[in-house]
PDB file of N, CA and C in Angstrom:
ATOM      1  N   MET A   1      59.065 -70.282-112.415  1.00  0.00           N
ATOM      2  CA  MET A   1      58.240 -71.910-112.029  1.00  0.00           C
ATOM      3  C   MET A   1      57.944 -71.272-110.424  1.00  0.00           C
ATOM      4  N   ASP A   2      57.301 -72.682-110.122  1.00  0.00           N
ATOM      5  CA  ASP A   2      57.558 -72.479-109.047  1.00  0.00           C
ATOM      6  C   ASP A   2      57.297 -74.751-108.397  1.00  0.00           C
ATOM      7  N   LEU A   3      58.771 -74.213-107.690  1.00  0.00           N
ATOM      8  CA  LEU A   3      59.093 -75.357-107.526  1.00  0.00           C
ATOM      9  C   LEU A   3      58.344 -76.462-106.671  1.00  0.00           C
ATOM     10  N   LEU A   4      57.434 -75.969-105.508  1.00  0.00           N
ATOM     11  CA  LEU A   4      56.893 -76.334-104.778  1.00  0.00           C
ATOM     12  C   LEU A   4      55.608 -77.565-105.367  1.00  0.00           C
ATOM     13  N   GLN A   5      55.115 -76.637-106.016  1.00  0.00           N
ATOM     14  CA  GLN A   5      53.803 -76.937-107.146  1.00  0.00           C
ATOM     15  C   GLN A   5      54.187 -77.898-108.017  1.00  0.00           C
ATOM     16  N   PHE A   6      55.281 -77.809-108.371  1.00  0.00           N
ATOM     17  CA  PHE A   6      56.067 -78.866-109.735  1.00  0.00           C
ATOM     18  C   PHE A   6      56.002 -80.415-108.394  1.00  0.00           C
ATOM     19  N   MET A   7      57.057 -80.567-107.848  1.00  0.00           N
ATOM     20  CA  MET A   7      57.047 -81.333-107.288  1.00  0.00           C
ATOM     21  C   MET A   7      56.094 -81.974-106.552  1.00  0.00           C
ATOM     22  N   LYS A   8      54.724 -81.295-105.826  1.00  0.00           N
ATOM     23  CA  LYS A   8      53.459 -81.809-106.016  1.00  0.00           C
ATOM     24  C   LYS A   8      53.035 -82.822-107.089  1.00  0.00           C
ATOM     25  N   ASN A   9      52.791 -82.340-108.019  1.00  0.00           N
ATOM     26  CA  ASN A   9      52.391 -82.698-109.045  1.00  0.00           C
ATOM     27  C   ASN A   9      52.831 -83.608-109.566  1.00  0.00           C
ATOM     28  N   GLU A  10      54.291 -83.821-109.922  1.00  0.00           N
ATOM     29  CA  GLU A  10      54.889 -85.231-110.019  1.00  0.00           C
ATOM     30  C   GLU A  10      54.063 -86.088-108.999  1.00  0.00           C
ATOM     31  N   GLY A  11      53.411 -85.588-108.180  1.00  0.00           N
ATOM     32  CA  GLY A  11      53.599 -87.102-106.983  1.00  0.00           C
ATOM     33  C   GLY A  11      54.605 -87.410-105.783  1.00  0.00           C
ATOM     34  N   TYR A  12      55.125 -86.075-106.082  1.00  0.00           N
ATOM     35  CA  TYR A  12      56.275 -86.505-103.887  1.00  0.00           C
ATOM     36  C   TYR A  12      55.413 -85.888-102.849  1.00  0.00           C
ATOM     37  N   THR A  13      56.130 -86.863-101.676  1.00  0.00           N
ATOM     38  CA  THR A  13      55.462 -86.274-101.100  1.00  0.00           C
ATOM     39  C   THR A  13      56.798 -85.740 -99.570  1.00  0.00           C
ATOM     40  N   SER A  14      58.107 -86.340 -99.762  1.00  0.00           N
ATOM     41  CA  SER A  14      58.425 -85.814 -99.096  1.00  0.00           C
ATOM     42  C   SER A  14      60.175 -85.529 -99.965  1.00  0.00           C
ATOM     43  N   ALA A  15      61.140 -84.344 -99.500  1.00  0.00           N
ATOM     44  CA  ALA A  15      62.367 -84.333 -99.788  1.00  0.00           C
ATOM     45  C   ALA A  15      63.402 -84.231 -98.820  1.00  0.00           C
ATOM     46  N   LYS A  16      64.815 -84.412 -99.290  1.00  0.00           N
ATOM     47  CA  LYS A  16      65.352 -84.598 -98.152  1.00  0.00           C
ATOM     48  C   LYS A  16      66.727 -84.003 -98.637  1.00  0.00           C
ATOM     49  N   PHE A  17      67.243 -83.082 -98.138  1.00  0.00           N
ATOM     50  CA  PHE A  17      68.203 -82.299 -98.060  1.00  0.00           C
ATOM     51  C   PHE A  17      70.038 -82.457 -97.128  1.00  0.00           C
ATOM     52  N   SER A  18      70.532 -82.068 -97.108  1.00  0.00           N
ATOM     53  CA  SER A  18      72.080 -81.756 -96.553  1.00  0.00           C
ATOM     54  C   SER A  18      72.037 -79.816 -96.628  1.00  0.00           C
ATOM     55  N   SER A  19      71.562 -79.427 -95.164  1.00  0.00           N
ATOM     56  CA  SER A  19      71.930 -77.998 -95.006  1.00  0.00           C
ATOM     57  C   SER A  19      72.906 -77.545 -95.312  1.00  0.00           C
ATOM     58  N   LEU A  20      73.049 -76.063 -95.958  1.00  0.00           N
ATOM     59  CA  LEU A  20      74.590 -75.475 -95.448  1.00  0.00           C
ATOM     60  C   LEU A  20      75.467 -75.834 -94.330  1.00  0.00           C
ATOM     61  N   THR A  21      75.048 -75.979 -93.398  1.00  0.00           N
ATOM     62  CA  THR A  21      75.044 -76.496 -92.354  1.00  0.00           C
ATOM     63  C   THR A  21      75.714 -77.609 -91.902  1.00  0.00           C
ATOM     64  N   GLY A  22      75.706 -78.430 -93.022  1.00  0.00           N
ATOM     65  CA  GLY A  22      75.335 -79.565 -93.022  1.00  0.00           C
ATOM     66  C   GLY A  22      74.923 -80.701 -92.295  1.00  0.00           C
ATOM     67  N   GLU A  23      73.316 -80.060 -91.936  1.00  0.00           N
ATOM     68  CA  GLU A  23      72.253 -81.214 -91.329  1.00  0.00           C
ATOM     69  C   GLU A  23      71.612 -81.533 -92.171  1.00  0.00           C
ATOM     70  N   ASP A  24      71.081 -82.711 -91.668  1.00  0.00           N
ATOM     71  CA  ASP A  24      69.894 -83.685 -92.969  1.00  0.00           C
ATOM     72  C   ASP A  24      68.945 -83.437 -92.688  1.00  0.00           C
ATOM     73  N   VAL A  25      68.140 -82.695 -93.433  1.00  0.00           N
ATOM     74  CA  VAL A  25      66.929 -81.873 -92.941  1.00  0.00           C
ATOM     75  C   VAL A  25      65.892 -82.770 -94.186  1.00  0.00           C
ATOM     76  N   ARG A  26      65.081 -83.349 -94.152  1.00  0.00           N
ATOM     77  CA  ARG A  26      63.186 -84.231 -94.291  1.00  0.00           C
ATOM     78  C   ARG A  26      62.365 -82.742 -94.266  1.00  0.00           C
ATOM     79  N   LEU A  27      61.325 -82.733 -95.180  1.00  0.00           N
ATOM     80  CA  LEU A  27      60.423 -81.855 -95.600  1.00  0.00           C
ATOM     81  C   LEU A  27      58.865 -82.741 -95.790  1.00  0.00           C
ATOM     82  N   VAL A  28      58.300 -82.758 -95.075  1.00  0.00           N
ATOM     83  CA  VAL A  28      56.779 -83.452 -95.627  1.00  0.00           C
ATOM     84  C   VAL A  28      56.482 -81.826 -96.639  1.00  0.00           C
ATOM     85  N   LEU A  29      55.552 -82.296 -97.965  1.00  0.00           N
ATOM     86  CA  LEU A  29      55.548 -81.279 -98.856  1.00  0.00           C
ATOM     87  C   LEU A  29      54.624 -80.746 -98.557  1.00  0.00           C
ATOM     88  N   ASN A  30      53.525 -81.287 -98.128  1.00  0.00           N
ATOM     89  CA  ASN A  30      52.039 -80.683 -97.441  1.00  0.00           C
ATOM     90  C   ASN A  30      52.228 -79.524 -96.483  1.00  0.00           C
ATOM     91  N   ASP A  31      53.539 -80.203 -95.870  1.00  0.00           N
ATOM     92  CA  ASP A  31      53.470 -79.279 -94.511  1.00  0.00           C
ATOM     93  C   ASP A  31      53.918 -77.841 -94.951  1.00  0.00           C
ATOM     94  N   VAL A  32      54.717 -77.737 -96.467  1.00  0.00           N
ATOM     95  CA  VAL A  32      55.628 -76.489 -97.157  1.00  0.00           C
ATOM     96  C   VAL A  32      54.633 -75.283 -97.456  1.00  0.00           C
ATOM     97  N   ALA A  33      54.329 -74.111 -97.233  1.00  0.00           N
ATOM     98  CA  ALA A  33      52.905 -73.438 -97.797  1.00  0.00           C
ATOM     99  C   ALA A  33      53.086 -72.936 -98.883  1.00  0.00           C
ATOM    100  N   SER A  34      54.663 -72.701 -98.921  1.00  0.00           N
ATOM    101  CA  SER A  34      54.948 -71.947-100.838  1.00  0.00           C
ATOM    102  C   SER A  34      56.428 -72.533-101.195  1.00  0.00           C
ATOM    103  N   THR A  35      56.586 -71.626-102.459  1.00  0.00           N
ATOM    104  CA  THR A  35      57.725 -72.202-102.383  1.00  0.00           C
ATOM    105  C   THR A  35      58.641 -70.913-102.185  1.00  0.00           C
ATOM    106  N   GLU A  36      58.402 -69.974-101.391  1.00  0.00           N
ATOM    107  CA  GLU A  36      59.311 -69.154-100.676  1.00  0.00           C
ATOM    108  C   GLU A  36      59.573 -69.508 -99.540  1.00  0.00           C
ATOM    109  N   ASP A  37      58.164 -70.478 -99.452  1.00  0.00           N
ATOM    110  CA  ASP A  37      58.502 -71.128 -97.688  1.00  0.00           C
ATOM    111  C   ASP A  37      59.591 -72.469 -97.711  1.00  0.00           C
ATOM    112  N   LEU A  38      59.495 -72.654 -98.845  1.00  0.00           N
ATOM    113  CA  LEU A  38      60.191 -74.105 -98.898  1.00  0.00           C
ATOM    114  C   LEU A  38      62.055 -73.386 -99.332  1.00  0.00           C
ATOM    115  N   TYR A  39      62.497 -72.735-100.102  1.00  0.00           N
ATOM    116  CA  TYR A  39      63.579 -71.714 -99.946  1.00  0.00           C
ATOM    117  C   TYR A  39      63.776 -71.566 -98.967  1.00  0.00           C
ATOM    118  N   ARG A  40      62.889 -70.837 -98.454  1.00  0.00           N
ATOM    119  CA  ARG A  40      63.549 -70.170 -97.148  1.00  0.00           C
ATOM    120  C   ARG A  40      64.221 -71.377 -95.725  1.00  0.00           C
ATOM    121  N   MET A  41      63.525 -72.544 -96.151  1.00  0.00           N
ATOM    122  CA  MET A  41      64.042 -73.698 -95.380  1.00  0.00           C
ATOM    123  C   MET A  41      65.144 -74.401 -95.927  1.00  0.00           C
ATOM    124  N   MET A  42      65.056 -74.212 -97.083  1.00  0.00           N
ATOM    125  CA  MET A  42      66.766 -74.385 -97.887  1.00  0.00           C
ATOM    126  C   MET A  42      67.518 -73.853 -96.840  1.00  0.00           C
ATOM    127  N   GLU A  43      67.116 -72.606 -96.791  1.00  0.00           N
ATOM    128  CA  GLU A  43      68.755 -71.176 -96.573  1.00  0.00           C
ATOM    129  C   GLU A  43      68.569 -71.127 -97.992  1.00  0.00           C
ATOM    130  N   VAL A  44      68.532 -71.280 -99.378  1.00  0.00           N
ATOM    131  CA  VAL A  44      69.077 -70.458 -99.913  1.00  0.00           C
ATOM    132  C   VAL A  44      68.029 -70.387-101.006  1.00  0.00           C
ATOM    133  N   THR A  45      68.244 -69.356-102.142  1.00  0.00           N
ATOM    134  CA  THR A  45      67.421 -68.780-103.559  1.00  0.00           C
ATOM    135  C   THR A  45      67.937 -69.405-103.984  1.00  0.00           C
ATOM    136  N   PRO A  46      67.841 -71.221-105.193  1.00  0.00           N
ATOM    137  CA  PRO A  46      68.429 -71.306-106.280  1.00  0.00           C
ATOM    138  C   PRO A  46      68.132 -70.028-107.687  1.00  0.00           C
ATOM    139  N   THR A  47      69.682 -70.236-108.462  1.00  0.00           N
ATOM    140  CA  THR A  47      69.297 -69.592-109.212  1.00  0.00           C
ATOM    141  C   THR A  47      69.316 -70.439-110.651  1.00  0.00           C
ATOM    142  N   SER A  48      69.753 -71.880-110.391  1.00  0.00           N
ATOM    143  CA  SER A  48      68.198 -72.481-111.230  1.00  0.00           C
ATOM    144  C   SER A  48      68.544 -73.791-110.907  1.00  0.00           C
ATOM    145  N   VAL A  49      68.008 -74.905-111.630  1.00  0.00           N
ATOM    146  CA  VAL A  49      66.842 -75.938-111.319  1.00  0.00           C
ATOM    147  C   VAL A  49      67.279 -76.879-112.714  1.00  0.00           C
ATOM    148  N   SER A  50      67.565 -78.131-112.015  1.00  0.00           N
ATOM    149  CA  SER A  50      68.004 -79.880-113.001  1.00  0.00           C
ATOM    150  C   SER A  50      67.478 -80.888-112.228  1.00  0.00           C
ATOM    151  N   TYR A  51      66.086 -81.504-113.197  1.00  0.00           N
ATOM    152  CA  TYR A  51      65.259 -82.258-112.334  1.00  0.00           C
ATOM    153  C   TYR A  51      65.435 -83.594-113.022  1.00  0.00           C
ATOM    154  N   TYR A  52      66.224 -84.907-112.046  1.00  0.00           N
ATOM    155  CA  TYR A  52      66.560 -85.715-112.598  1.00  0.00           C
ATOM    156  C   TYR A  52      65.457 -86.956-112.426  1.00  0.00           C
ATOM    157  N   PRO A  53      64.150 -86.645-112.859  1.00  0.00           N
ATOM    158  CA  PRO A  53      63.328 -88.156-112.753  1.00  0.00           C
ATOM    159  C   PRO A  53      63.487 -89.484-112.830  1.00  0.00           C
ATOM    160  N   TYR A  54      64.602 -90.093-113.118  1.00  0.00           N
ATOM    161  CA  TYR A  54      64.470 -91.440-114.166  1.00  0.00           C
ATOM    162  C   TYR A  54      65.250 -92.143-113.032  1.00  0.00           C
ATOM    163  N   GLU A  55      66.815 -91.113-112.642  1.00  0.00           N
ATOM    164  CA  GLU A  55      67.476 -92.052-111.559  1.00  0.00           C
ATOM    165  C   GLU A  55      67.063 -93.125-110.443  1.00  0.00           C
ATOM    166  N   ARG A  56      67.718 -94.153-109.436  1.00  0.00           N
ATOM    167  CA  ARG A  56      67.290 -94.733-108.511  1.00  0.00           C
ATOM    168  C   ARG A  56      66.191 -94.133-107.880  1.00  0.00           C
ATOM    169  N   VAL A  57      66.954 -93.019-106.832  1.00  0.00           N
ATOM    170  CA  VAL A  57      65.871 -91.746-106.247  1.00  0.00           C
ATOM    171  C   VAL A  57      66.027 -90.700-106.798  1.00  0.00           C
ATOM    172  N   PRO A  58      64.666 -89.912-106.918  1.00  0.00           N
ATOM    173  CA  PRO A  58      64.932 -88.634-107.954  1.00  0.00           C
ATOM    174  C   PRO A  58      65.547 -88.032-107.347  1.00  0.00           C
ATOM    175  N   TYR A  59      65.794 -86.878-108.169  1.00  0.00           N
ATOM    176  CA  TYR A  59      66.394 -86.047-107.172  1.00  0.00           C
ATOM    177  C   TYR A  59      66.224 -84.331-108.315  1.00  0.00           C
ATOM    178  N   ILE A  60      65.971 -83.247-107.077  1.00  0.00           N
ATOM    179  CA  ILE A  60      66.395 -81.705-108.118  1.00  0.00           C
ATOM    180  C   ILE A  60      67.279 -81.522-107.655  1.00  0.00           C
ATOM    181  N   ASP A  61      68.480 -80.854-108.393  1.00  0.00           N
ATOM    182  CA  ASP A  61      70.209 -80.736-107.897  1.00  0.00           C
ATOM    183  C   ASP A  61      69.587 -78.629-108.263  1.00  0.00           C
ATOM    184  N   CYS A  62      69.566 -77.803-106.972  1.00  0.00           N
ATOM    185  CA  CYS A  62      69.067 -76.243-107.096  1.00  0.00           C
ATOM    186  C   CYS A  62      71.172 -76.010-106.723  1.00  0.00           C
ATOM    187  N   PHE A  63      71.329 -75.133-108.376  1.00  0.00           N
ATOM    188  CA  PHE A  63      72.578 -74.501-108.105  1.00  0.00           C
ATOM    189  C   PHE A  63      72.532 -72.853-107.569  1.00  0.00           C
ATOM    190  N   ILE A  64      72.917 -72.409-107.048  1.00  0.00           N
ATOM    191  CA  ILE A  64      73.327 -71.303-106.429  1.00  0.00           C
ATOM    192  C   ILE A  64      74.393 -71.241-106.618  1.00  0.00           C
ATOM    193  N   ASP A  65      74.803 -69.790-107.400  1.00  0.00           N
ATOM    194  CA  ASP A  65      76.316 -69.477-107.660  1.00  0.00           C
ATOM    195  C   ASP A  65      77.111 -70.640-108.301  1.00  0.00           C
ATOM    196  N   GLN A  66      78.037 -70.995-107.266  1.00  0.00           N
ATOM    197  CA  GLN A  66      78.767 -72.287-107.646  1.00  0.00           C
ATOM    198  C   GLN A  66      78.909 -73.859-107.278  1.00  0.00           C
ATOM    199  N   ASN A  67      77.698 -73.312-106.333  1.00  0.00           N
ATOM    200  CA  ASN A  67      77.538 -74.688-105.045  1.00  0.00           C
ATOM    201  C   ASN A  67      75.845 -75.075-105.564  1.00  0.00           C
ATOM    202  N   VAL A  68      76.067 -76.463-105.152  1.00  0.00           N
ATOM    203  CA  VAL A  68      74.861 -77.273-105.853  1.00  0.00           C
ATOM    204  C   VAL A  68      74.367 -77.637-104.298  1.00  0.00           C
ATOM    205  N   MET A  69      72.622 -77.728-104.657  1.00  0.00           N
ATOM    206  CA  MET A  69      71.933 -78.815-103.155  1.00  0.00           C
ATOM    207  C   MET A  69      71.169 -79.406-104.161  1.00  0.00           C
ATOM    208  N   LYS A  70      71.845 -80.911-103.615  1.00  0.00           N
ATOM    209  CA  LYS A  70      70.253 -82.111-103.785  1.00  0.00           C
ATOM    210  C   LYS A  70      69.306 -82.296-103.183  1.00  0.00           C
ATOM    211  N   LEU A  71      68.113 -82.126-103.254  1.00  0.00           N
ATOM    212  CA  LEU A  71      66.884 -82.592-102.799  1.00  0.00           C
ATOM    213  C   LEU A  71      66.762 -83.852-103.332  1.00  0.00           C
ATOM    214  N   ARG A  72      66.766 -85.153-102.582  1.00  0.00           N
ATOM    215  CA  ARG A  72      65.880 -85.837-102.585  1.00  0.00           C
ATOM    216  C   ARG A  72      64.620 -86.322-103.061  1.00  0.00           C
ATOM    217  N   LEU A  73      63.858 -86.655-104.292  1.00  0.00           N
ATOM    218  CA  LEU A  73      62.476 -86.523-103.750  1.00  0.00           C
ATOM    219  C   LEU A  73      61.655 -88.528-103.169  1.00  0.00           C
ATOM    220  N   SER A  74      60.938 -88.113-102.981  1.00  0.00           N
ATOM    221  CA  SER A  74      60.108 -89.460-102.051  1.00  0.00           C
ATOM    222  C   SER A  74      58.456 -89.697-102.725  1.00  0.00           C
ATOM    223  N   LYS A  75      58.496 -90.179-103.180  1.00  0.00           N
ATOM    224  CA  LYS A  75      56.706 -90.748-103.010  1.00  0.00           C
ATOM    225  C   LYS A  75      55.797 -91.052-102.055  1.00  0.00           C
ATOM    226  N   ALA A  76      56.823 -92.076-101.413  1.00  0.00           N
ATOM    227  CA  ALA A  76      55.706 -92.429-100.023  1.00  0.00           C
ATOM    228  C   ALA A  76      56.515 -91.387 -98.495  1.00  0.00           C
TER     229      ALA A  76
END
């Protein structure tokens, strides 16, 4: 699955997450060239993802072994 293209197709323009070092990161999706670049910026390659579009703040959980990284999505 092309995660970056999926987020763009759903109309999202940015994603926020906390890096593995605890730093808050905000990505403008149009500035990310590919899903591989997205994973490089996240510093992880998820083994699976879950999408929650109906939450107050939509998000995607990216599972890496026993850990979870939450990408909070925005259309504005």
